[in-house]
């Protein structure tokens, strides 16, 4: 998806990195960051679940994403909704990644007692 295509679907970003919006590699909508390479969107990212919002112009339905979301409760929700996903445990980095098959969204859970959600992103848009 190109920058122009993003602007056909979304309003102007709240902020952007760089001197101009069209030369920027990162657009920000509230707590979400859209990353571009060669003017093509390749990743949507957030790691701010305290202020999980779309900024001044986007309304975000968080489904069940919050800082309090645990890996176990998220996995239960995926199973109840019959959503296909894969799980990768990385012991050396003390985290667990959930990859949702149909959408390509990845969620990172920090491994501690309850494995809380710490970030999510979508690449190759």
Protein backbone atom coordinates (compact mmCIF):
# COMPACT_ATOMS: atom_id res chain seq x y z
CA UNK A 1 0.00 0.00 0.00
CA UNK A 2 1.48 3.34 -1.02
CA UNK A 3 1.40 6.57 0.99
CA UNK A 4 -1.30 7.91 -1.33
CA UNK A 5 -3.40 4.78 -0.85
CA UNK A 6 -3.07 5.15 2.93
CA UNK A 7 -4.31 8.74 2.63
CA UNK A 8 -7.31 7.52 0.63
CA UNK A 9 -8.26 5.26 3.57
CA UNK A 10 -7.10 7.39 6.50
CA UNK A 11 -6.98 11.08 7.38
CA UNK A 12 -3.73 13.02 7.53
CA UNK A 13 -1.41 11.66 10.26
CA UNK A 14 -1.21 13.46 13.60
CA UNK A 15 2.55 13.78 13.23
CA UNK A 16 5.32 12.47 11.03
CA UNK A 17 9.07 12.05 11.27
CA UNK A 18 11.13 14.26 8.98
CA UNK A 19 10.78 17.52 7.12
CA UNK A 20 7.66 16.69 5.12
CA UNK A 21 4.89 14.13 5.29
CA UNK A 22 5.67 12.62 1.89
CA UNK A 23 9.39 12.23 2.59
CA UNK A 24 8.76 10.82 6.06
CA UNK A 25 9.35 7.15 6.82
CA UNK A 26 7.12 7.14 9.93
CA UNK A 27 3.59 8.53 10.27
CA UNK A 28 1.93 8.62 13.69
CA UNK A 29 -1.74 8.26 14.51
CA UNK A 30 -1.98 8.49 18.28
CA UNK A 31 -0.16 5.49 19.71
CA UNK A 32 0.19 3.82 16.28
CA UNK A 33 3.16 4.21 13.95
CA UNK A 34 3.00 3.47 10.22
CA UNK A 35 6.41 2.68 8.69
CA UNK A 36 7.18 3.30 5.02
CA UNK A 37 9.99 2.21 2.75
CA UNK A 38 10.17 3.66 -0.77
CA UNK A 39 6.76 5.29 -0.07
CA UNK A 40 5.18 1.87 0.58
CA UNK A 41 3.68 0.89 3.91
CA UNK A 42 5.47 -2.12 5.37
CA UNK A 43 4.59 -2.11 9.07
CA UNK A 44 2.01 -0.83 11.56
CA UNK A 45 3.35 -0.85 15.12
CA UNK A 46 2.38 0.08 18.66
CA UNK A 47 3.78 -0.69 22.06
CA UNK A 48 1.80 1.90 24.02
CA UNK A 49 -1.11 0.15 25.65
CA UNK A 50 -1.51 2.71 28.42
CA UNK A 51 -2.75 5.26 25.85
CA UNK A 52 -4.05 2.89 23.18
CA UNK A 53 -5.74 5.31 20.80
CA UNK A 54 -5.83 6.48 17.21
CA UNK A 55 -5.04 10.10 17.85
CA UNK A 56 -7.22 13.05 16.94
CA UNK A 57 -8.72 11.52 13.82
CA UNK A 58 -9.01 7.72 14.21
CA UNK A 59 -11.38 5.75 16.38
CA UNK A 60 -9.78 2.45 17.42
CA UNK A 61 -11.75 -0.58 18.58
CA UNK A 62 -9.21 -2.41 20.68
CA UNK A 63 -11.12 -5.73 20.65
CA UNK A 64 -9.33 -7.04 23.72
CA UNK A 65 -5.87 -5.54 23.42
CA UNK A 66 -4.60 -3.89 26.57
CA UNK A 67 -1.52 -3.83 28.77
CA UNK A 68 -3.30 -6.31 31.05
CA UNK A 69 -3.84 -8.83 28.25
CA UNK A 70 -2.02 -12.08 28.97
CA UNK A 71 -0.88 -14.68 26.49
CA UNK A 72 -3.21 -17.29 28.00
CA UNK A 73 -6.31 -15.08 27.82
CA UNK A 74 -5.46 -13.98 24.27
CA UNK A 75 -4.93 -17.57 23.17
CA UNK A 76 -8.31 -18.49 24.73
CA UNK A 77 -9.94 -15.64 22.79
CA UNK A 78 -8.34 -16.73 19.50
CA UNK A 79 -9.50 -20.28 20.07
CA UNK A 80 -13.06 -19.22 20.93
CA UNK A 81 -13.20 -17.07 17.78
CA UNK A 82 -11.67 -19.95 15.75
CA UNK A 83 -8.85 -17.77 14.46
CA UNK A 84 -5.84 -19.60 12.98
CA UNK A 85 -2.53 -18.65 14.58
CA UNK A 86 0.98 -19.88 15.31
CA UNK A 87 3.01 -19.45 18.50
CA UNK A 88 6.78 -19.09 18.80
CA UNK A 89 8.44 -19.18 22.21
CA UNK A 90 11.86 -17.56 22.40
CA UNK A 91 13.51 -18.63 25.64
CA UNK A 92 16.71 -16.67 25.03
CA UNK A 93 14.77 -13.38 24.67
CA UNK A 94 12.15 -14.34 27.26
CA UNK A 95 9.18 -13.69 25.01
CA UNK A 96 6.41 -15.35 23.04
CA UNK A 97 5.20 -14.22 19.61
CA UNK A 98 1.73 -14.99 18.26
CA UNK A 99 1.37 -14.83 14.47
CA UNK A 100 -2.22 -14.56 13.23
CA UNK A 101 -2.37 -16.44 9.94
CA UNK A 102 -5.01 -14.57 7.89
CA UNK A 103 -4.02 -11.02 8.79
CA UNK A 104 -0.26 -11.35 9.28
CA UNK A 105 -0.49 -9.48 12.58
CA UNK A 106 2.12 -10.42 15.18
CA UNK A 107 1.79 -9.89 18.92
CA UNK A 108 4.70 -10.00 21.33
CA UNK A 109 4.18 -11.15 24.92
CA UNK A 110 6.96 -10.58 27.44
CA UNK A 111 7.67 -13.74 29.36
CA UNK A 112 7.14 -13.19 33.03
CA UNK A 113 4.65 -14.77 35.40
CA UNK A 114 1.65 -14.01 33.18
CA UNK A 115 3.21 -13.13 29.80
CA UNK A 116 1.71 -9.66 29.28
CA UNK A 117 1.29 -8.13 25.85
CA UNK A 118 4.10 -5.68 25.11
CA UNK A 119 3.77 -4.87 21.37
CA UNK A 120 2.02 -5.76 18.16
CA UNK A 121 2.63 -5.03 14.51
CA UNK A 122 1.66 -5.89 10.97
CA UNK A 123 4.32 -6.18 8.29
CA UNK A 124 4.20 -6.59 4.51
CA UNK A 125 1.00 -4.68 3.97
